[in-house]
Amino acid sequence: MELEDILKLPFQLPQETVDYLKDNAELLTFKKTQVISAQGEVSRHLYLLKSGIARYYHTNYALGGKEDTIVFGTSGDVGTSLTSLAHNLPAVFSLGAITRVEMYAIPTKLILDLTETDHTFCKWFFKLTLWQLALLETRYEFMCAPDAYSRYLAFLKIRSKEFINRIPLRYIASYLNITPQTMSELRARYAHDTVKSEFDTSLHKKGIIHNNVGLDD
């Protein structure tokens, strides 16, 4: 997605502002698994994803480097460290490429200056920040699910099959707060349940099963 198209969300900015942002944006390319913005360092840019898939994640070094994926991003998504933006402190999360990624990077100093001088841009950026916070609420909702399988099913509802197939299982596992082994078991269970459901539906259509009464009854 081109920068001008990304800047149309959450609403269309004046062309003068769009041109100013385009003039000050740098298009960067990152390799698969490359760190874009590191946890523990002050993030100096707002990132706008042109192509590819990236993720924000936290590394818990006290637990041997265990990673928790916070959110996934794809073409058109925008992100930065809110901790760095608001307080000029080191980022809590890292931003990393899952696939080859192209990103526009705009200095956060420029972004903050615009929020002080451009009322329309300030409103635009405020709405964008609310979107970021809403994503964190969504992840919290996932974590409140009663079991890992429920979290997995919820994840399947909000992401397309094509998108999921491009993400290594270990990243989905870290998003759902489970081990890669458990992730494999959940996928096998889902495949079994899907086949069974399709089989039962077929039997219903053929009149072999009626009112929850099966062949074994």
N, C-alpha and C. Protein backbone atom coordinates (compact mmCIF):
# COMPACT_ATOMS: atom_id res chain seq x y z
N MET A 1 0.84 -1.19 0.00
CA MET A 1 0.00 0.00 0.00
C MET A 1 0.88 1.24 0.00
N GLU A 2 0.57 2.19 -0.85
CA GLU A 2 1.37 3.40 -0.94
C GLU A 2 1.10 4.32 0.25
N LEU A 3 2.08 5.17 0.56
CA LEU A 3 1.99 6.03 1.73
C LEU A 3 0.74 6.91 1.70
N GLU A 4 0.44 7.47 0.55
CA GLU A 4 -0.72 8.35 0.46
C GLU A 4 -2.01 7.61 0.79
N ASP A 5 -2.09 6.34 0.42
CA ASP A 5 -3.27 5.53 0.73
C ASP A 5 -3.35 5.20 2.22
N ILE A 6 -2.18 4.91 2.82
CA ILE A 6 -2.15 4.61 4.26
C ILE A 6 -2.62 5.82 5.06
N LEU A 7 -2.24 7.01 4.60
CA LEU A 7 -2.56 8.24 5.33
C LEU A 7 -4.03 8.64 5.22
N LYS A 8 -4.80 7.88 4.46
CA LYS A 8 -6.24 8.14 4.37
C LYS A 8 -7.00 7.60 5.58
N LEU A 9 -6.32 6.77 6.37
CA LEU A 9 -6.94 6.19 7.56
C LEU A 9 -6.28 6.78 8.81
N PRO A 10 -7.07 7.17 9.81
CA PRO A 10 -8.51 6.95 9.96
C PRO A 10 -9.40 7.90 9.17
N PHE A 11 -8.86 9.00 8.63
CA PHE A 11 -9.64 9.83 7.71
C PHE A 11 -8.66 10.61 6.83
N GLN A 12 -9.18 11.16 5.75
CA GLN A 12 -8.34 11.84 4.76
C GLN A 12 -7.74 13.12 5.32
N LEU A 13 -6.42 13.22 5.26
CA LEU A 13 -5.74 14.44 5.67
C LEU A 13 -5.70 15.43 4.51
N PRO A 14 -5.57 16.73 4.81
CA PRO A 14 -5.40 17.72 3.74
C PRO A 14 -4.18 17.37 2.88
N GLN A 15 -4.27 17.64 1.59
CA GLN A 15 -3.19 17.27 0.68
C GLN A 15 -1.87 17.93 1.06
N GLU A 16 -1.94 19.13 1.59
CA GLU A 16 -0.71 19.82 2.01
C GLU A 16 0.02 19.03 3.10
N THR A 17 -0.75 18.49 4.04
CA THR A 17 -0.16 17.70 5.12
C THR A 17 0.39 16.38 4.58
N VAL A 18 -0.37 15.75 3.69
CA VAL A 18 0.07 14.49 3.07
C VAL A 18 1.40 14.71 2.34
N ASP A 19 1.49 15.76 1.57
CA ASP A 19 2.73 16.05 0.82
C ASP A 19 3.90 16.28 1.77
N TYR A 20 3.65 16.97 2.87
CA TYR A 20 4.71 17.23 3.85
C TYR A 20 5.21 15.93 4.46
N LEU A 21 4.29 15.03 4.81
CA LEU A 21 4.67 13.74 5.37
C LEU A 21 5.42 12.89 4.35
N LYS A 22 4.97 12.91 3.12
CA LYS A 22 5.64 12.15 2.06
C LYS A 22 7.07 12.65 1.84
N ASP A 23 7.25 13.95 1.91
CA ASP A 23 8.58 14.54 1.71
C ASP A 23 9.54 14.16 2.82
N ASN A 24 9.01 13.85 3.99
CA ASN A 24 9.86 13.54 5.15
C ASN A 24 9.86 12.06 5.53
N ALA A 25 9.26 11.24 4.68
CA ALA A 25 9.22 9.79 4.94
C ALA A 25 10.35 9.10 4.19
N GLU A 26 10.90 8.08 4.81
CA GLU A 26 11.95 7.26 4.19
C GLU A 26 11.43 5.84 4.02
N LEU A 27 11.57 5.31 2.82
CA LEU A 27 11.13 3.94 2.56
C LEU A 27 12.28 2.99 2.89
N LEU A 28 12.03 2.07 3.83
CA LEU A 28 13.05 1.13 4.29
C LEU A 28 12.61 -0.30 3.97
N THR A 29 13.60 -1.16 3.74
CA THR A 29 13.34 -2.57 3.48
C THR A 29 14.03 -3.42 4.54
N PHE A 30 13.32 -4.41 5.06
CA PHE A 30 13.86 -5.28 6.10
C PHE A 30 13.71 -6.74 5.68
N LYS A 31 14.73 -7.52 6.00
CA LYS A 31 14.70 -8.94 5.68
C LYS A 31 13.83 -9.70 6.68
N LYS A 32 13.47 -10.90 6.29
CA LYS A 32 12.71 -11.80 7.15
C LYS A 32 13.41 -11.97 8.49
N THR A 33 12.69 -11.81 9.59
CA THR A 33 13.12 -11.91 10.99
C THR A 33 13.98 -10.74 11.46
N GLN A 34 14.24 -9.77 10.61
CA GLN A 34 15.08 -8.65 11.01
C GLN A 34 14.36 -7.74 12.00
N VAL A 35 15.10 -7.25 13.00
CA VAL A 35 14.54 -6.32 13.99
C VAL A 35 14.49 -4.93 13.36
N ILE A 36 13.32 -4.30 13.45
CA ILE A 36 13.12 -2.97 12.89
C ILE A 36 13.33 -1.90 13.95
N SER A 37 12.76 -2.13 15.11
CA SER A 37 12.90 -1.23 16.25
C SER A 37 13.02 -2.10 17.49
N ALA A 38 14.09 -1.90 18.27
CA ALA A 38 14.42 -2.83 19.35
C ALA A 38 13.86 -2.42 20.71
N GLN A 39 13.37 -3.40 21.43
CA GLN A 39 13.00 -3.25 22.83
C GLN A 39 14.22 -2.76 23.61
N GLY A 40 13.99 -1.80 24.52
CA GLY A 40 15.10 -1.29 25.32
C GLY A 40 15.79 -0.08 24.71
N GLU A 41 15.39 0.29 23.48
CA GLU A 41 15.93 1.48 22.82
C GLU A 41 14.79 2.45 22.54
N VAL A 42 15.08 3.73 22.58
CA VAL A 42 14.05 4.74 22.30
C VAL A 42 13.71 4.71 20.81
N SER A 43 12.45 4.49 20.50
CA SER A 43 12.00 4.47 19.11
C SER A 43 11.86 5.89 18.60
N ARG A 44 12.46 6.18 17.45
CA ARG A 44 12.48 7.54 16.92
C ARG A 44 11.61 7.72 15.68
N HIS A 45 10.84 6.69 15.33
CA HIS A 45 10.07 6.78 14.08
C HIS A 45 8.67 6.23 14.24
N LEU A 46 7.77 6.78 13.44
CA LEU A 46 6.45 6.19 13.22
C LEU A 46 6.59 5.34 11.96
N TYR A 47 6.16 4.08 12.05
CA TYR A 47 6.32 3.15 10.93
C TYR A 47 4.98 2.89 10.27
N LEU A 48 4.98 2.97 8.94
CA LEU A 48 3.78 2.73 8.15
C LEU A 48 4.10 1.60 7.17
N LEU A 49 3.39 0.49 7.32
CA LEU A 49 3.73 -0.74 6.61
C LEU A 49 3.21 -0.73 5.17
N LYS A 50 4.14 -0.74 4.23
CA LYS A 50 3.77 -0.75 2.82
C LYS A 50 3.45 -2.17 2.35
N SER A 51 4.31 -3.13 2.71
CA SER A 51 4.08 -4.51 2.30
C SER A 51 4.75 -5.47 3.28
N GLY A 52 4.25 -6.72 3.29
CA GLY A 52 4.82 -7.73 4.18
C GLY A 52 4.04 -7.84 5.49
N ILE A 53 4.58 -8.65 6.40
CA ILE A 53 3.96 -8.86 7.71
C ILE A 53 5.01 -8.64 8.79
N ALA A 54 4.64 -7.89 9.82
CA ALA A 54 5.53 -7.61 10.94
C ALA A 54 4.79 -7.90 12.24
N ARG A 55 5.51 -7.82 13.34
CA ARG A 55 4.89 -8.05 14.65
C ARG A 55 5.56 -7.19 15.70
N TYR A 56 4.79 -6.81 16.70
CA TYR A 56 5.34 -6.24 17.92
C TYR A 56 5.42 -7.36 18.95
N TYR A 57 6.55 -7.44 19.65
CA TYR A 57 6.73 -8.52 20.62
C TYR A 57 7.61 -8.05 21.78
N HIS A 58 7.45 -8.74 22.90
CA HIS A 58 8.24 -8.45 24.10
C HIS A 58 9.09 -9.67 24.44
N THR A 59 10.35 -9.44 24.75
CA THR A 59 11.27 -10.51 25.12
C THR A 59 11.50 -10.47 26.63
N ASN A 60 11.18 -11.57 27.30
CA ASN A 60 11.37 -11.66 28.74
C ASN A 60 12.70 -12.36 29.00
N TYR A 61 13.73 -11.58 29.25
CA TYR A 61 15.07 -12.14 29.45
C TYR A 61 15.19 -12.89 30.77
N ALA A 62 14.32 -12.58 31.72
CA ALA A 62 14.33 -13.29 33.00
C ALA A 62 13.84 -14.73 32.83
N LEU A 63 13.12 -14.98 31.73
CA LEU A 63 12.62 -16.33 31.44
C LEU A 63 13.37 -16.94 30.26
N GLY A 64 14.63 -16.60 30.15
CA GLY A 64 15.47 -17.20 29.11
C GLY A 64 15.20 -16.70 27.71
N GLY A 65 14.67 -15.49 27.61
CA GLY A 65 14.43 -14.92 26.29
C GLY A 65 13.08 -15.28 25.68
N LYS A 66 12.14 -15.68 26.52
CA LYS A 66 10.79 -16.03 26.04
C LYS A 66 10.14 -14.82 25.38
N GLU A 67 9.59 -15.04 24.19
CA GLU A 67 8.97 -13.96 23.44
C GLU A 67 7.44 -14.04 23.51
N ASP A 68 6.82 -12.89 23.71
CA ASP A 68 5.36 -12.78 23.66
C ASP A 68 5.01 -11.85 22.50
N THR A 69 4.35 -12.39 21.49
CA THR A 69 3.91 -11.56 20.37
C THR A 69 2.67 -10.79 20.81
N ILE A 70 2.70 -9.47 20.65
CA ILE A 70 1.62 -8.61 21.12
C ILE A 70 0.58 -8.39 20.03
N VAL A 71 1.05 -8.10 18.82
CA VAL A 71 0.12 -7.82 17.72
C VAL A 71 0.84 -8.05 16.40
N PHE A 72 0.08 -8.46 15.38
CA PHE A 72 0.59 -8.61 14.03
C PHE A 72 0.19 -7.40 13.19
N GLY A 73 1.03 -7.07 12.22
CA GLY A 73 0.71 -5.97 11.33
C GLY A 73 0.93 -6.37 9.89
N THR A 74 0.11 -5.81 8.99
CA THR A 74 0.27 -6.08 7.57
C THR A 74 0.08 -4.78 6.80
N SER A 75 0.06 -4.87 5.48
CA SER A 75 0.02 -3.69 4.63
C SER A 75 -1.06 -2.70 5.06
N GLY A 76 -0.64 -1.46 5.27
CA GLY A 76 -1.56 -0.40 5.67
C GLY A 76 -1.56 -0.10 7.15
N ASP A 77 -0.96 -0.99 7.95
CA ASP A 77 -0.93 -0.77 9.40
C ASP A 77 0.15 0.24 9.79
N VAL A 78 -0.09 0.90 10.91
CA VAL A 78 0.81 1.94 11.40
C VAL A 78 1.16 1.63 12.85
N GLY A 79 2.42 1.86 13.23
CA GLY A 79 2.79 1.57 14.61
C GLY A 79 4.02 2.32 15.07
N THR A 80 4.14 2.46 16.38
CA THR A 80 5.33 3.00 17.02
C THR A 80 5.27 2.64 18.49
N SER A 81 6.32 2.93 19.22
CA SER A 81 6.31 2.71 20.66
C SER A 81 5.63 3.89 21.34
N LEU A 82 4.51 3.63 21.99
CA LEU A 82 3.82 4.70 22.69
C LEU A 82 4.63 5.19 23.89
N THR A 83 5.40 4.28 24.50
CA THR A 83 6.25 4.67 25.63
C THR A 83 7.32 5.67 25.18
N SER A 84 7.95 5.39 24.05
CA SER A 84 8.96 6.30 23.51
C SER A 84 8.32 7.61 23.06
N LEU A 85 7.16 7.50 22.42
CA LEU A 85 6.49 8.69 21.90
C LEU A 85 6.05 9.63 23.01
N ALA A 86 5.47 9.06 24.06
CA ALA A 86 4.91 9.89 25.13
C ALA A 86 5.95 10.38 26.12
N HIS A 87 6.96 9.53 26.42
CA HIS A 87 7.88 9.85 27.51
C HIS A 87 9.35 9.87 27.10
N ASN A 88 9.62 9.62 25.83
CA ASN A 88 11.01 9.56 25.35
C ASN A 88 11.82 8.53 26.12
N LEU A 89 11.16 7.41 26.43
CA LEU A 89 11.81 6.32 27.17
C LEU A 89 11.98 5.11 26.25
N PRO A 90 12.84 4.17 26.64
CA PRO A 90 13.05 2.97 25.82
C PRO A 90 11.75 2.21 25.57
N ALA A 91 11.63 1.67 24.38
CA ALA A 91 10.45 0.93 23.98
C ALA A 91 10.30 -0.34 24.81
N VAL A 92 9.07 -0.68 25.14
CA VAL A 92 8.77 -1.91 25.88
C VAL A 92 8.74 -3.10 24.93
N PHE A 93 8.36 -2.84 23.68
CA PHE A 93 8.24 -3.90 22.68
C PHE A 93 9.25 -3.69 21.56
N SER A 94 9.61 -4.79 20.89
CA SER A 94 10.37 -4.74 19.65
C SER A 94 9.42 -4.82 18.47
N LEU A 95 9.82 -4.24 17.36
CA LEU A 95 9.09 -4.39 16.10
C LEU A 95 9.99 -5.20 15.18
N GLY A 96 9.47 -6.31 14.67
CA GLY A 96 10.30 -7.19 13.83
C GLY A 96 9.56 -7.65 12.60
N ALA A 97 10.33 -7.94 11.55
CA ALA A 97 9.76 -8.42 10.29
C ALA A 97 9.53 -9.94 10.38
N ILE A 98 8.36 -10.38 9.96
CA ILE A 98 8.09 -11.81 9.84
C ILE A 98 8.42 -12.28 8.43
N THR A 99 7.98 -11.51 7.45
CA THR A 99 8.35 -11.73 6.06
C THR A 99 9.24 -10.56 5.63
N ARG A 100 9.63 -10.55 4.39
CA ARG A 100 10.29 -9.35 3.86
C ARG A 100 9.31 -8.19 3.97
N VAL A 101 9.79 -7.07 4.50
CA VAL A 101 8.91 -5.95 4.81
C VAL A 101 9.43 -4.66 4.18
N GLU A 102 8.50 -3.88 3.66
CA GLU A 102 8.79 -2.50 3.24
C GLU A 102 8.00 -1.58 4.14
N MET A 103 8.69 -0.59 4.72
CA MET A 103 8.04 0.33 5.65
C MET A 103 8.46 1.76 5.37
N TYR A 104 7.49 2.66 5.51
CA TYR A 104 7.80 4.08 5.52
C TYR A 104 8.10 4.47 6.96
N ALA A 105 9.18 5.23 7.15
CA ALA A 105 9.54 5.69 8.49
C ALA A 105 9.52 7.21 8.52
N ILE A 106 8.76 7.76 9.46
CA ILE A 106 8.66 9.21 9.63
C ILE A 106 9.13 9.55 11.04
N PRO A 107 10.06 10.49 11.20
CA PRO A 107 10.57 10.81 12.54
C PRO A 107 9.43 11.21 13.49
N THR A 108 9.46 10.65 14.70
CA THR A 108 8.41 10.97 15.66
C THR A 108 8.48 12.43 16.12
N LYS A 109 9.66 13.05 16.05
CA LYS A 109 9.76 14.47 16.40
C LYS A 109 8.90 15.30 15.46
N LEU A 110 8.96 14.94 14.18
CA LEU A 110 8.14 15.64 13.19
C LEU A 110 6.66 15.42 13.48
N ILE A 111 6.31 14.18 13.86
CA ILE A 111 4.92 13.86 14.18
C ILE A 111 4.44 14.69 15.37
N LEU A 112 5.26 14.75 16.42
CA LEU A 112 4.88 15.51 17.61
C LEU A 112 4.78 17.00 17.31
N ASP A 113 5.67 17.51 16.50
CA ASP A 113 5.61 18.93 16.12
C ASP A 113 4.31 19.23 15.37
N LEU A 114 3.92 18.32 14.49
CA LEU A 114 2.68 18.51 13.73
C LEU A 114 1.45 18.51 14.63
N THR A 115 1.48 17.67 15.67
CA THR A 115 0.32 17.64 16.58
C THR A 115 0.16 18.96 17.34
N GLU A 116 1.26 19.72 17.44
CA GLU A 116 1.22 21.01 18.13
C GLU A 116 0.76 22.14 17.21
N THR A 117 0.98 21.98 15.91
CA THR A 117 0.74 23.10 14.98
C THR A 117 -0.41 22.87 14.01
N ASP A 118 -0.83 21.61 13.86
CA ASP A 118 -1.85 21.27 12.86
C ASP A 118 -3.01 20.57 13.58
N HIS A 119 -4.11 21.28 13.74
CA HIS A 119 -5.25 20.73 14.50
C HIS A 119 -5.82 19.49 13.83
N THR A 120 -5.94 19.51 12.51
CA THR A 120 -6.50 18.37 11.79
C THR A 120 -5.61 17.14 11.94
N PHE A 121 -4.30 17.35 11.82
CA PHE A 121 -3.38 16.23 11.99
C PHE A 121 -3.43 15.70 13.42
N CYS A 122 -3.54 16.60 14.39
CA CYS A 122 -3.61 16.18 15.80
C CYS A 122 -4.83 15.28 16.01
N LYS A 123 -5.96 15.65 15.41
CA LYS A 123 -7.16 14.82 15.52
C LYS A 123 -6.95 13.48 14.83
N TRP A 124 -6.29 13.49 13.67
CA TRP A 124 -5.99 12.26 12.93
C TRP A 124 -5.10 11.33 13.75
N PHE A 125 -4.07 11.91 14.34
CA PHE A 125 -3.12 11.09 15.10
C PHE A 125 -3.74 10.57 16.40
N PHE A 126 -4.63 11.37 16.99
CA PHE A 126 -5.33 10.93 18.19
C PHE A 126 -6.17 9.69 17.89
N LYS A 127 -6.89 9.71 16.78
CA LYS A 127 -7.70 8.55 16.41
C LYS A 127 -6.83 7.35 16.10
N LEU A 128 -5.69 7.59 15.47
CA LEU A 128 -4.77 6.51 15.15
C LEU A 128 -4.24 5.86 16.43
N THR A 129 -3.93 6.67 17.42
CA THR A 129 -3.44 6.16 18.70
C THR A 129 -4.52 5.35 19.41
N LEU A 130 -5.76 5.78 19.32
CA LEU A 130 -6.85 5.01 19.90
C LEU A 130 -6.96 3.63 19.26
N TRP A 131 -6.72 3.57 17.96
CA TRP A 131 -6.73 2.28 17.27
C TRP A 131 -5.67 1.35 17.85
N GLN A 132 -4.48 1.90 18.12
CA GLN A 132 -3.41 1.08 18.70
C GLN A 132 -3.82 0.54 20.06
N LEU A 133 -4.42 1.40 20.88
CA LEU A 133 -4.85 0.96 22.20
C LEU A 133 -5.95 -0.09 22.10
N ALA A 134 -6.81 0.05 21.11
CA ALA A 134 -7.88 -0.94 20.92
C ALA A 134 -7.30 -2.31 20.57
N LEU A 135 -6.19 -2.33 19.84
CA LEU A 135 -5.55 -3.60 19.50
C LEU A 135 -5.06 -4.31 20.76
N LEU A 136 -4.54 -3.53 21.69
CA LEU A 136 -4.08 -4.12 22.95
C LEU A 136 -5.25 -4.69 23.74
N GLU A 137 -6.40 -4.02 23.68
CA GLU A 137 -7.59 -4.55 24.34
C GLU A 137 -8.04 -5.87 23.71
N THR A 138 -7.90 -5.94 22.37
CA THR A 138 -8.27 -7.17 21.67
C THR A 138 -7.41 -8.33 22.14
N ARG A 139 -6.12 -8.08 22.29
CA ARG A 139 -5.23 -9.14 22.76
C ARG A 139 -5.60 -9.55 24.19
N TYR A 140 -5.95 -8.58 25.01
CA TYR A 140 -6.36 -8.91 26.38
C TYR A 140 -7.59 -9.81 26.36
N GLU A 141 -8.52 -9.53 25.44
CA GLU A 141 -9.72 -10.35 25.31
C GLU A 141 -9.36 -11.78 24.94
N PHE A 142 -8.35 -11.94 24.07
CA PHE A 142 -7.87 -13.28 23.72
C PHE A 142 -7.37 -14.01 24.95
N MET A 143 -6.58 -13.30 25.75
CA MET A 143 -5.97 -13.94 26.90
C MET A 143 -6.99 -14.30 27.98
N CYS A 144 -8.17 -13.68 27.92
CA CYS A 144 -9.21 -13.99 28.91
C CYS A 144 -10.03 -15.22 28.53
N ALA A 145 -9.81 -15.74 27.33
CA ALA A 145 -10.54 -16.94 26.91
C ALA A 145 -10.21 -18.07 27.89
N PRO A 146 -11.18 -18.95 28.15
CA PRO A 146 -11.00 -19.97 29.20
C PRO A 146 -9.91 -21.00 28.93
N ASP A 147 -9.57 -21.22 27.66
CA ASP A 147 -8.55 -22.23 27.36
C ASP A 147 -7.86 -21.88 26.05
N ALA A 148 -6.76 -22.58 25.79
CA ALA A 148 -5.95 -22.30 24.60
C ALA A 148 -6.72 -22.52 23.31
N TYR A 149 -7.56 -23.55 23.28
CA TYR A 149 -8.31 -23.85 22.07
C TYR A 149 -9.29 -22.72 21.75
N SER A 150 -9.91 -22.15 22.76
CA SER A 150 -10.82 -21.02 22.57
C SER A 150 -10.07 -19.82 22.01
N ARG A 151 -8.85 -19.59 22.50
CA ARG A 151 -8.05 -18.48 21.99
C ARG A 151 -7.69 -18.71 20.53
N TYR A 152 -7.37 -19.96 20.20
CA TYR A 152 -7.03 -20.30 18.82
C TYR A 152 -8.22 -20.09 17.89
N LEU A 153 -9.40 -20.53 18.31
CA LEU A 153 -10.59 -20.36 17.49
C LEU A 153 -10.91 -18.87 17.28
N ALA A 154 -10.72 -18.08 18.32
CA ALA A 154 -10.96 -16.64 18.20
C ALA A 154 -9.98 -16.01 17.21
N PHE A 155 -8.74 -16.46 17.26
CA PHE A 155 -7.73 -15.94 16.34
C PHE A 155 -8.10 -16.27 14.89
N LEU A 156 -8.60 -17.46 14.65
CA LEU A 156 -8.99 -17.86 13.30
C LEU A 156 -10.13 -17.00 12.75
N LYS A 157 -10.94 -16.46 13.65
CA LYS A 157 -12.08 -15.66 13.22
C LYS A 157 -11.68 -14.26 12.76
N ILE A 158 -10.57 -13.74 13.29
CA ILE A 158 -10.20 -12.36 12.97
C ILE A 158 -9.11 -12.27 11.91
N ARG A 159 -8.53 -13.40 11.53
CA ARG A 159 -7.48 -13.39 10.51
C ARG A 159 -7.82 -14.37 9.39
N SER A 160 -7.49 -13.98 8.18
CA SER A 160 -7.78 -14.84 7.03
C SER A 160 -6.84 -16.04 7.01
N LYS A 161 -7.28 -17.11 6.34
CA LYS A 161 -6.46 -18.30 6.22
C LYS A 161 -5.15 -18.00 5.51
N GLU A 162 -5.23 -17.15 4.49
CA GLU A 162 -4.02 -16.78 3.74
C GLU A 162 -3.02 -16.08 4.64
N PHE A 163 -3.51 -15.16 5.47
CA PHE A 163 -2.64 -14.43 6.40
C PHE A 163 -1.99 -15.39 7.38
N ILE A 164 -2.79 -16.27 7.98
CA ILE A 164 -2.29 -17.21 8.99
C ILE A 164 -1.23 -18.14 8.41
N ASN A 165 -1.44 -18.57 7.18
CA ASN A 165 -0.50 -19.50 6.54
C ASN A 165 0.87 -18.87 6.28
N ARG A 166 0.96 -17.55 6.32
CA ARG A 166 2.23 -16.87 6.08
C ARG A 166 3.02 -16.66 7.37
N ILE A 167 2.41 -16.99 8.51
CA ILE A 167 3.06 -16.75 9.80
C ILE A 167 3.58 -18.05 10.39
N PRO A 168 4.85 -18.13 10.73
CA PRO A 168 5.37 -19.34 11.38
C PRO A 168 4.59 -19.67 12.66
N LEU A 169 4.41 -20.96 12.91
CA LEU A 169 3.60 -21.39 14.05
C LEU A 169 4.12 -20.84 15.38
N ARG A 170 5.44 -20.69 15.49
CA ARG A 170 6.00 -20.25 16.77
C ARG A 170 5.54 -18.83 17.12
N TYR A 171 5.27 -18.00 16.10
CA TYR A 171 4.80 -16.65 16.37
C TYR A 171 3.33 -16.64 16.78
N ILE A 172 2.54 -17.49 16.15
CA ILE A 172 1.14 -17.61 16.55
C ILE A 172 1.07 -18.17 17.97
N ALA A 173 1.92 -19.14 18.27
CA ALA A 173 1.96 -19.72 19.61
C ALA A 173 2.30 -18.66 20.66
N SER A 174 3.27 -17.81 20.35
CA SER A 174 3.65 -16.78 21.32
C SER A 174 2.55 -15.72 21.46
N TYR A 175 1.76 -15.51 20.41
CA TYR A 175 0.63 -14.59 20.49
C TYR A 175 -0.46 -15.15 21.39
N LEU A 176 -0.67 -16.46 21.31
CA LEU A 176 -1.72 -17.12 22.10
C LEU A 176 -1.21 -17.55 23.47
N ASN A 177 0.07 -17.29 23.73
CA ASN A 177 0.69 -17.63 25.02
C ASN A 177 0.67 -19.13 25.28
N ILE A 178 1.07 -19.89 24.27
CA ILE A 178 1.18 -21.34 24.39
C ILE A 178 2.50 -21.78 23.78
N THR A 179 2.87 -23.04 23.98
CA THR A 179 4.10 -23.56 23.40
C THR A 179 3.86 -23.98 21.95
N PRO A 180 4.91 -24.03 21.13
CA PRO A 180 4.76 -24.52 19.76
C PRO A 180 4.17 -25.93 19.69
N GLN A 181 4.51 -26.77 20.67
CA GLN A 181 3.95 -28.13 20.70
C GLN A 181 2.43 -28.09 20.90
N THR A 182 1.99 -27.26 21.84
CA THR A 182 0.55 -27.11 22.05
C THR A 182 -0.13 -26.54 20.82
N MET A 183 0.57 -25.63 20.14
CA MET A 183 0.04 -25.05 18.91
C MET A 183 -0.22 -26.13 17.87
N SER A 184 0.72 -27.04 17.72
CA SER A 184 0.56 -28.15 16.76
C SER A 184 -0.62 -29.04 17.14
N GLU A 185 -0.78 -29.27 18.45
CA GLU A 185 -1.89 -30.10 18.92
C GLU A 185 -3.24 -29.42 18.66
N LEU A 186 -3.28 -28.10 18.83
CA LEU A 186 -4.52 -27.36 18.58
C LEU A 186 -4.88 -27.40 17.10
N ARG A 187 -3.89 -27.28 16.24
CA ARG A 187 -4.16 -27.35 14.80
C ARG A 187 -4.70 -28.72 14.41
N ALA A 188 -4.14 -29.78 15.00
CA ALA A 188 -4.61 -31.13 14.70
C ALA A 188 -6.04 -31.31 15.21
N ARG A 189 -6.32 -30.78 16.39
CA ARG A 189 -7.68 -30.88 16.95
C ARG A 189 -8.66 -30.12 16.07
N TYR A 190 -8.27 -28.94 15.62
CA TYR A 190 -9.15 -28.13 14.77
C TYR A 190 -9.43 -28.84 13.45
N ALA A 191 -8.38 -29.43 12.86
CA ALA A 191 -8.55 -30.16 11.60
C ALA A 191 -9.52 -31.33 11.80
N HIS A 192 -9.37 -32.04 12.92
CA HIS A 192 -10.26 -33.18 13.22
C HIS A 192 -11.70 -32.70 13.41
N ASP A 193 -11.87 -31.62 14.18
CA ASP A 193 -13.21 -31.10 14.43
C ASP A 193 -13.87 -30.61 13.15
N THR A 194 -13.05 -30.00 12.27
CA THR A 194 -13.59 -29.49 11.01
C THR A 194 -14.07 -30.63 10.12
N VAL A 195 -13.24 -31.68 10.01
CA VAL A 195 -13.62 -32.84 9.20
C VAL A 195 -14.88 -33.49 9.76
N LYS A 196 -14.93 -33.64 11.08
CA LYS A 196 -16.10 -34.26 11.73
C LYS A 196 -17.35 -33.43 11.47
N SER A 197 -17.21 -32.10 11.60
CA SER A 197 -18.35 -31.22 11.38
C SER A 197 -18.86 -31.32 9.95
N GLU A 198 -17.92 -31.35 8.99
CA GLU A 198 -18.31 -31.46 7.59
C GLU A 198 -18.98 -32.81 7.32
N PHE A 199 -18.47 -33.86 7.97
CA PHE A 199 -19.03 -35.20 7.79
C PHE A 199 -20.46 -35.26 8.36
N ASP A 200 -20.63 -34.69 9.57
CA ASP A 200 -21.96 -34.68 10.19
C ASP A 200 -22.96 -33.87 9.35
N THR A 201 -22.47 -32.75 8.80
CA THR A 201 -23.33 -31.92 7.94
C THR A 201 -23.77 -32.71 6.72
N SER A 202 -22.84 -33.47 6.16
CA SER A 202 -23.16 -34.29 4.99
C SER A 202 -24.21 -35.34 5.33
N LEU A 203 -24.07 -35.96 6.52
CA LEU A 203 -25.05 -36.96 6.94
C LEU A 203 -26.43 -36.36 7.16
N HIS A 204 -26.44 -35.15 7.73
CA HIS A 204 -27.71 -34.47 7.93
C HIS A 204 -28.40 -34.23 6.60
N LYS A 205 -27.63 -33.76 5.63
CA LYS A 205 -28.21 -33.46 4.33
C LYS A 205 -28.76 -34.72 3.65
N LYS A 206 -28.13 -35.85 3.93
CA LYS A 206 -28.58 -37.11 3.33
C LYS A 206 -29.69 -37.78 4.13
N GLY A 207 -30.02 -37.17 5.27
CA GLY A 207 -31.09 -37.72 6.08
C GLY A 207 -30.69 -38.88 6.95
N ILE A 208 -29.38 -39.11 7.10
CA ILE A 208 -28.90 -40.24 7.90
C ILE A 208 -28.94 -39.90 9.38
N ILE A 209 -28.75 -38.60 9.70
CA ILE A 209 -28.81 -38.16 11.08
C ILE A 209 -29.96 -37.18 11.22
N HIS A 210 -30.82 -37.37 12.21
CA HIS A 210 -31.93 -36.48 12.47
C HIS A 210 -32.00 -36.15 13.95
N ASN A 211 -32.16 -34.88 14.23
CA ASN A 211 -32.38 -34.45 15.61
C ASN A 211 -31.35 -35.01 16.58
N ASN A 212 -30.06 -34.92 16.16
CA ASN A 212 -28.93 -35.32 17.01
C ASN A 212 -28.92 -36.82 17.30
N VAL A 213 -29.64 -37.64 16.52
CA VAL A 213 -29.62 -39.09 16.69
C VAL A 213 -28.72 -39.67 15.61
N GLY A 214 -27.67 -40.39 16.02
CA GLY A 214 -26.69 -40.85 15.05
C GLY A 214 -26.80 -42.34 14.79
N LEU A 215 -25.83 -42.84 14.06
CA LEU A 215 -25.84 -44.23 13.67
C LEU A 215 -25.65 -45.17 14.84
N ASP A 216 -25.01 -44.68 15.89
CA ASP A 216 -24.72 -45.55 17.03
C ASP A 216 -25.86 -45.62 18.04
N ASP A 217 -26.94 -44.83 17.83
CA ASP A 217 -28.04 -44.81 18.80
C ASP A 217 -29.03 -45.93 18.56
